[in-house]
Structures are given as structure tokens and as C-alpha cells.
Amino acid sequence: MSGAGRMSCLKVLEDFGYEAVDNVPVGLIGRLLRPDDAEPYDTAVGIDSRTRGFEPARLIDEVRGFRERTPGRFELLFLECDDEVLQRRFSATRRRHPLADQRSVGEALALERALMAPLKAVADTVIDTSDLALPDLRRILGGHFTGEHDRLRISVVSFSYKRGVPRNADLVFDVRFLRNPYYVESLRPLTGRDAAVQEHVRGDPDLEGFVVRLKDFLAPLLPRYQAEGKSYLTVALGCTGGQHRSVFLGELLGEWLGGQGWDVAVRHRDLQAPGAVGDGAGR
């Protein structure tokens, strides 16, 4: 989708050593990705609805041909994003949607979504960047495309239910049953990173049992996910405002996972502005 972060994705893959090429005419892609190269190299090709010769059916035929000729060496990655977020990105950057012409951005997005649906259906991987920070995109792409497929990368994300569940979450835990620091006036402006808030939540008689059961739940699952070849796992913890309880639990879980030797990153979605995955709207 235009504005879903294609350029950000290409820049990350370029950092990983890929030859990154954008908007190659569909008719030339076959010449670029030659399976008989004496010295094959990793290549990332960016395509959207502006690409010359873009026809979903034709591109799907190309994809199927690549898969047959180069088993295990070709993958189609589709970048998805919510319409509301895309409209906000186009508005913020004042870039014109490539299909807008005489249409509104909303109409252009609807047209493009219908146009892209067949490609999304045959994609090997779909990444939704609606609420994804750039470091998280980098970690997801790293897990998929840096050759470290046997290494599970875990992202722990705290969030507010008011803003919805993170779209890329694999496991979601609701911690709204815990004592809410929001109702203590002195704690309200603080976050789950502050000692006073942590002490308040620790005072909940059900916290310790929940944390023990959460660890017992995750401990046997993570090696199995890794053994099955899963490269990236997102564990999301949500509370009402995404400021106190979920933040504290996210820090607690991240610390434990790191202590167990897992590659883990902790992000608090609603304590910070989303990253610049799609800031160059239309790219």
C-alpha cells in the first residue's frame, strides 16, 4: 500500500546488505532477478501502484515463475496499513496519493486496496505498519531476512485498550484486573517505569500469581516457536491507558526474558509517538 513504509523497508534491507531497488518496471524485474547469475546476491525490489507496467495479474505470474525457478530463494512481502493511518500520513506530508488524480485520498485508498488484494493474498509475509515503530520494523525484517531464522526475536509491547490491540501482536494479555494507579492522584502523572507506580501495582495480591503463571505459560512455548522456525514474536500487554500497569508488566516480562537468554526488546506504544515507518507517505 502506498504510504505503508516501502522506502523505510528498503532502507532497512539495504542496511542488512541487500541491493535495494525501487519502482523497477515490472517488465524488467525478470532481468534483474536472474537465477543463473554466477554470483547471486540478495536483492530487494520495491513496487507499488505507481510502478510502470503495474498489473497485479502480471506480477502474480512473475511471482509464481520466480518461486518455481528459485525454490526457497524468493519471497513476496506485502506492507499493509490502516486507512485512517494512511490518510493521516498523506495529510502530514502533503504528498499526493499516486491514484488520487481527481479522487479524494479515501477513494484512492479504496481503489488501491482492491487493486492490491490479489497480491496480498499470495504474499509469503504480511506486515501491518499501522502502529509499528521503525525499530520494530527493523527487528521484524531482521528476523525474516538476515539469515538468522533459527533465532527467535521477541518484542514485548505495552498498549492502551483505548487505542486498540497492536496489529502485529501474536500473544495478548489483559492486565486491567490489577490495581490501577490512575486513581491515586500522586501516581496519575507517573508511568510504570516509576518506582512508586511499581510499588503500588506490586501491592495487588494477585500480581505475583499472575506473573508466575505467565512465565510458566511462556517458558515451554518459546522454544517450540523457535523450533518451528518462527523468527519474530510479539507479546502484548494491555491496560486502560497504556501508562501504568501494562508498562510495569512489560518491563518485568522483558527483564525476565532477557535473563532467560532470549533476544528481547521492550516498547511502550502509548508512552511514545509511533516511529517514522510511513512518514514519507506514498513511499
Protein backbone atom coordinates (compact mmCIF):
# COMPACT_ATOMS: atom_id res chain seq x y z
CA MET A 1 0.00 0.00 0.00
CA SER A 2 1.28 3.49 -0.83
CA GLY A 3 2.37 5.15 2.40
CA ALA A 4 2.79 1.86 4.28
CA GLY A 5 6.56 2.27 4.52
CA ARG A 6 8.05 0.78 1.38
CA MET A 7 11.04 3.14 1.39
CA SER A 8 11.66 2.58 5.10
CA CYS A 9 11.60 -1.16 4.42
CA LEU A 10 14.05 -0.87 1.53
CA LYS A 11 16.43 1.27 3.58
CA VAL A 12 16.44 -1.30 6.38
CA LEU A 13 17.09 -4.16 3.95
CA GLU A 14 19.87 -2.11 2.37
CA ASP A 15 21.43 -1.82 5.83
CA PHE A 16 21.26 -5.62 6.02
CA GLY A 17 23.34 -5.91 2.85
CA TYR A 18 20.62 -6.20 0.23
CA GLU A 19 20.82 -4.46 -3.13
CA ALA A 20 17.69 -2.30 -2.77
CA VAL A 21 15.95 -1.11 -5.94
CA ASP A 22 12.72 0.86 -6.05
CA ASN A 23 9.98 1.04 -8.70
CA VAL A 24 11.59 -1.19 -11.29
CA PRO A 25 9.22 -1.55 -14.25
CA VAL A 26 7.51 -4.92 -13.97
CA GLY A 27 8.86 -5.97 -17.37
CA LEU A 28 12.45 -5.54 -16.14
CA ILE A 29 12.16 -7.42 -12.86
CA GLY A 30 12.89 -10.76 -14.54
CA ARG A 31 16.17 -9.41 -15.92
CA LEU A 32 17.15 -8.06 -12.51
CA LEU A 33 16.45 -11.27 -10.59
CA ARG A 34 18.32 -13.80 -12.70
CA PRO A 35 18.58 -17.25 -11.07
CA ASP A 36 21.52 -18.19 -13.32
CA ASP A 37 23.81 -15.43 -12.01
CA ALA A 38 27.30 -16.78 -11.37
CA GLU A 39 27.40 -14.76 -8.17
CA PRO A 40 23.81 -14.35 -6.93
CA TYR A 41 23.25 -11.58 -4.42
CA ASP A 42 20.40 -10.62 -2.13
CA THR A 43 18.09 -8.16 -3.84
CA ALA A 44 15.05 -6.24 -2.57
CA VAL A 45 12.72 -4.73 -5.15
CA GLY A 46 10.09 -2.18 -4.10
CA ILE A 47 6.85 -1.98 -6.04
CA ASP A 48 3.61 -0.06 -5.60
CA SER A 49 0.72 1.10 -7.78
CA ARG A 50 2.93 3.77 -9.40
CA THR A 51 5.34 1.21 -10.83
CA ARG A 52 5.41 1.30 -14.63
CA GLY A 53 3.55 -1.64 -16.12
CA PHE A 54 1.94 -2.49 -12.78
CA GLU A 55 -0.74 -5.12 -13.26
CA PRO A 56 -1.49 -7.45 -10.32
CA ALA A 57 -2.21 -10.47 -12.54
CA ARG A 58 1.03 -9.99 -14.46
CA LEU A 59 3.02 -9.54 -11.27
CA ILE A 60 1.47 -12.66 -9.72
CA ASP A 61 2.56 -14.64 -12.78
CA GLU A 62 6.10 -13.28 -12.30
CA VAL A 63 5.99 -14.26 -8.62
CA ARG A 64 4.92 -17.80 -9.42
CA GLY A 65 7.66 -18.08 -12.01
CA PHE A 66 10.31 -16.91 -9.54
CA ARG A 67 9.10 -19.41 -6.95
CA GLU A 68 9.32 -22.28 -9.44
CA ARG A 69 12.75 -21.31 -10.77
CA THR A 70 14.32 -20.42 -7.43
CA PRO A 71 12.74 -22.61 -4.69
CA GLY A 72 13.35 -21.14 -1.26
CA ARG A 73 15.12 -18.06 -2.63
CA PHE A 74 12.21 -15.77 -3.42
CA GLU A 75 9.69 -14.18 -1.07
CA LEU A 76 6.89 -11.68 -1.60
CA LEU A 77 6.50 -9.23 1.29
CA PHE A 78 3.32 -7.14 1.46
CA LEU A 79 3.19 -3.95 3.56
CA GLU A 80 -0.29 -3.27 4.93
CA CYS A 81 -1.64 -0.26 6.83
CA ASP A 82 -4.94 1.02 8.18
CA ASP A 83 -6.78 3.58 6.00
CA GLU A 84 -7.05 6.10 8.83
CA VAL A 85 -3.29 5.99 9.45
CA LEU A 86 -2.53 6.26 5.73
CA GLN A 87 -4.78 9.29 5.38
CA ARG A 88 -3.02 10.91 8.33
CA ARG A 89 0.38 10.22 6.79
CA PHE A 90 -0.58 11.70 3.43
CA SER A 91 -2.07 14.73 5.16
CA ALA A 92 1.01 15.26 7.34
CA THR A 93 3.48 15.05 4.44
CA ARG A 94 1.20 16.75 1.89
CA ARG A 95 2.13 14.11 -0.65
CA ARG A 96 -0.42 13.12 -3.25
CA HIS A 97 -1.60 9.53 -3.38
CA PRO A 98 -0.49 8.02 -6.73
CA LEU A 99 -4.07 7.04 -7.60
CA ALA A 100 -5.70 10.25 -6.32
CA ASP A 101 -5.84 12.18 -9.61
CA GLN A 102 -9.40 13.58 -9.41
CA ARG A 103 -10.22 11.38 -6.41
CA SER A 104 -10.06 12.03 -2.67
CA VAL A 105 -7.39 10.22 -0.67
CA GLY A 106 -10.09 7.97 0.80
CA GLU A 107 -11.34 6.98 -2.64
CA ALA A 108 -7.78 6.42 -3.88
CA LEU A 109 -7.03 4.17 -0.91
CA ALA A 110 -10.17 2.11 -1.53
CA LEU A 111 -9.23 1.70 -5.19
CA GLU A 112 -5.66 0.75 -4.34
CA ARG A 113 -6.74 -1.71 -1.63
CA ALA A 114 -8.96 -3.52 -4.14
CA LEU A 115 -6.16 -3.44 -6.71
CA MET A 116 -3.64 -4.88 -4.24
CA ALA A 117 -5.91 -7.57 -2.73
CA PRO A 118 -4.75 -10.37 -5.11
CA LEU A 119 -1.10 -9.65 -4.31
CA LYS A 120 -1.74 -9.62 -0.58
CA ALA A 121 -3.49 -12.98 -0.93
CA VAL A 122 -0.38 -14.65 -2.41
CA ALA A 123 2.19 -12.87 -0.20
CA ASP A 124 4.54 -15.01 1.88
CA THR A 125 4.63 -12.38 4.63
CA VAL A 126 2.26 -9.51 5.50
CA ILE A 127 3.44 -6.76 7.85
CA ASP A 128 0.96 -4.20 9.16
CA THR A 129 2.79 -0.92 9.88
CA SER A 130 -0.21 0.96 11.30
CA ASP A 131 1.23 1.28 14.79
CA LEU A 132 4.71 -0.07 14.15
CA ALA A 133 7.75 1.92 15.24
CA LEU A 134 10.75 1.90 12.90
CA PRO A 135 12.95 -0.10 15.34
CA ASP A 136 10.24 -2.78 15.44
CA LEU A 137 10.07 -2.89 11.65
CA ARG A 138 13.84 -3.34 11.63
CA ARG A 139 13.60 -6.22 14.10
CA ILE A 140 10.83 -7.94 12.14
CA LEU A 141 12.72 -7.62 8.86
CA GLY A 142 15.91 -8.73 10.58
CA GLY A 143 14.19 -11.84 11.84
CA HIS A 144 12.90 -12.68 8.37
CA PHE A 145 15.73 -11.63 6.10
CA THR A 146 19.13 -11.67 7.82
CA GLY A 147 19.62 -15.42 7.74
CA GLU A 148 19.09 -15.76 11.48
CA HIS A 149 15.90 -17.77 11.08
CA ASP A 150 16.86 -20.13 13.88
CA ARG A 151 16.94 -17.25 16.36
CA LEU A 152 13.61 -16.13 17.81
CA ARG A 153 13.36 -12.39 18.38
CA ILE A 154 10.78 -11.31 20.94
CA SER A 155 9.12 -7.92 21.18
CA VAL A 156 7.23 -7.04 24.37
CA VAL A 157 4.76 -4.21 23.77
CA SER A 158 2.60 -2.40 26.31
CA PHE A 159 -0.53 -0.71 24.99
CA SER A 160 -3.75 1.10 25.82
CA TYR A 161 -7.01 -0.67 25.02
CA LYS A 162 -8.43 2.77 24.17
CA ARG A 163 -6.18 2.76 21.09
CA GLY A 164 -6.73 -0.87 20.27
CA VAL A 165 -4.66 -4.05 20.33
CA PRO A 166 -1.32 -3.87 18.41
CA ARG A 167 -1.98 -5.28 14.96
CA ASN A 168 1.12 -7.47 14.84
CA ALA A 169 0.61 -8.98 18.30
CA ASP A 170 0.93 -12.77 18.49
CA LEU A 171 0.06 -13.17 22.19
CA VAL A 172 -2.13 -10.64 24.05
CA PHE A 173 -2.59 -10.40 27.83
CA ASP A 174 -5.08 -8.09 29.53
CA VAL A 175 -3.75 -6.71 32.83
CA ARG A 176 -6.67 -4.40 33.61
CA PHE A 177 -7.61 -6.62 36.57
CA LEU A 178 -4.67 -5.24 38.56
CA ARG A 179 -4.88 -2.24 40.90
CA ASN A 180 -5.00 0.92 38.81
CA PRO A 181 -2.52 3.67 39.85
CA TYR A 182 -4.55 6.16 37.83
CA TYR A 183 -6.96 6.54 40.74
CA VAL A 184 -4.17 7.66 43.06
CA GLU A 185 -3.71 11.36 42.36
CA SER A 186 0.02 11.42 43.13
CA LEU A 187 0.63 8.46 40.80
CA ARG A 188 -1.54 9.61 37.91
CA PRO A 189 1.15 11.64 36.08
CA LEU A 190 3.79 8.91 36.56
CA THR A 191 4.35 5.79 34.47
CA GLY A 192 5.00 2.11 35.04
CA ARG A 193 8.71 2.85 34.90
CA ASP A 194 8.49 4.85 38.15
CA ALA A 195 9.21 3.06 41.43
CA ALA A 196 6.13 4.48 43.16
CA VAL A 197 3.82 3.06 40.49
CA GLN A 198 5.60 -0.28 40.55
CA GLU A 199 5.26 -0.48 44.33
CA HIS A 200 1.52 0.28 44.05
CA VAL A 201 0.96 -2.47 41.47
CA ARG A 202 3.09 -4.92 43.46
CA GLY A 203 0.67 -4.37 46.32
CA ASP A 204 -2.04 -6.16 44.35
CA PRO A 205 -2.44 -9.63 45.94
CA ASP A 206 -3.00 -11.24 42.52
CA LEU A 207 0.09 -9.84 40.80
CA GLU A 208 2.60 -12.44 41.93
CA GLY A 209 0.41 -15.38 40.98
CA PHE A 210 -0.29 -13.88 37.55
CA VAL A 211 3.38 -13.26 36.84
CA VAL A 212 4.32 -16.81 37.89
CA ARG A 213 1.62 -18.31 35.66
CA LEU A 214 2.57 -16.03 32.75
CA LYS A 215 6.19 -17.20 32.95
CA ASP A 216 5.09 -20.83 33.25
CA PHE A 217 2.89 -20.33 30.18
CA LEU A 218 5.63 -18.77 28.05
CA ALA A 219 8.60 -20.89 29.12
CA PRO A 220 7.69 -24.06 27.17
CA LEU A 221 6.13 -22.19 24.23
CA LEU A 222 9.12 -20.08 23.19
CA PRO A 223 11.49 -22.99 22.38
CA ARG A 224 8.68 -24.59 20.35
CA TYR A 225 8.09 -21.38 18.38
CA GLN A 226 11.80 -21.24 17.66
CA ALA A 227 11.95 -24.91 16.67
CA GLU A 228 9.08 -24.36 14.22
CA GLY A 229 11.10 -21.62 12.51
CA LYS A 230 9.22 -18.59 13.81
CA SER A 231 11.66 -15.70 13.69
CA TYR A 232 9.69 -12.92 15.40
CA LEU A 233 7.16 -12.99 18.23
CA THR A 234 5.23 -10.05 19.69
CA VAL A 235 3.85 -10.34 23.23
CA ALA A 236 1.42 -7.52 24.02
CA LEU A 237 0.29 -6.43 27.48
CA GLY A 238 -2.63 -4.04 27.69
CA CYS A 239 -4.29 -1.85 30.30
CA THR A 240 -6.77 1.00 30.12
CA GLY A 241 -4.42 3.90 29.42
CA GLY A 242 -1.20 2.12 28.48
CA GLN A 243 0.70 4.19 31.03
CA HIS A 244 0.93 2.33 34.33
CA ARG A 245 0.12 -1.38 34.72
CA SER A 246 0.97 -2.62 31.22
CA VAL A 247 4.20 -0.60 31.20
CA PHE A 248 5.32 -2.09 34.51
CA LEU A 249 4.43 -5.62 33.43
CA GLY A 250 6.18 -5.07 30.09
CA GLU A 251 9.38 -4.05 31.86
CA LEU A 252 9.06 -7.00 34.24
CA LEU A 253 8.49 -9.51 31.44
CA GLY A 254 11.25 -8.07 29.27
CA GLU A 255 13.74 -8.31 32.12
CA TRP A 256 12.80 -11.94 32.77
CA LEU A 257 13.00 -12.91 29.08
CA GLY A 258 16.42 -11.27 28.76
CA GLY A 259 17.55 -13.14 31.85
CA GLN A 260 16.48 -16.37 30.17
CA GLY A 261 18.77 -15.62 27.25
CA TRP A 262 16.15 -14.54 24.71
CA ASP A 263 16.71 -11.70 22.25
CA VAL A 264 14.08 -9.28 23.54
CA ALA A 265 13.12 -5.63 23.04
CA VAL A 266 10.54 -3.75 25.12
CA ARG A 267 8.42 -0.96 23.65
CA HIS A 268 5.68 1.10 25.27
CA ARG A 269 3.47 2.03 22.34
CA ASP A 270 1.36 4.65 24.07
CA LEU A 271 4.12 6.35 26.04
CA GLN A 272 5.86 7.48 22.88
CA ALA A 273 4.91 8.63 19.43
CA PRO A 274 4.85 5.91 16.75
CA GLY A 275 8.01 5.67 14.67
CA ALA A 276 8.55 7.05 11.21
CA VAL A 277 7.74 3.87 9.30
CA GLY A 278 5.48 5.67 6.85
CA ASP A 279 6.45 9.29 7.31
CA GLY A 280 7.35 9.57 3.64
CA ALA A 281 3.74 8.92 2.66
CA GLY A 282 3.41 7.45 -0.77
CA ARG A 283 6.76 5.73 -0.42
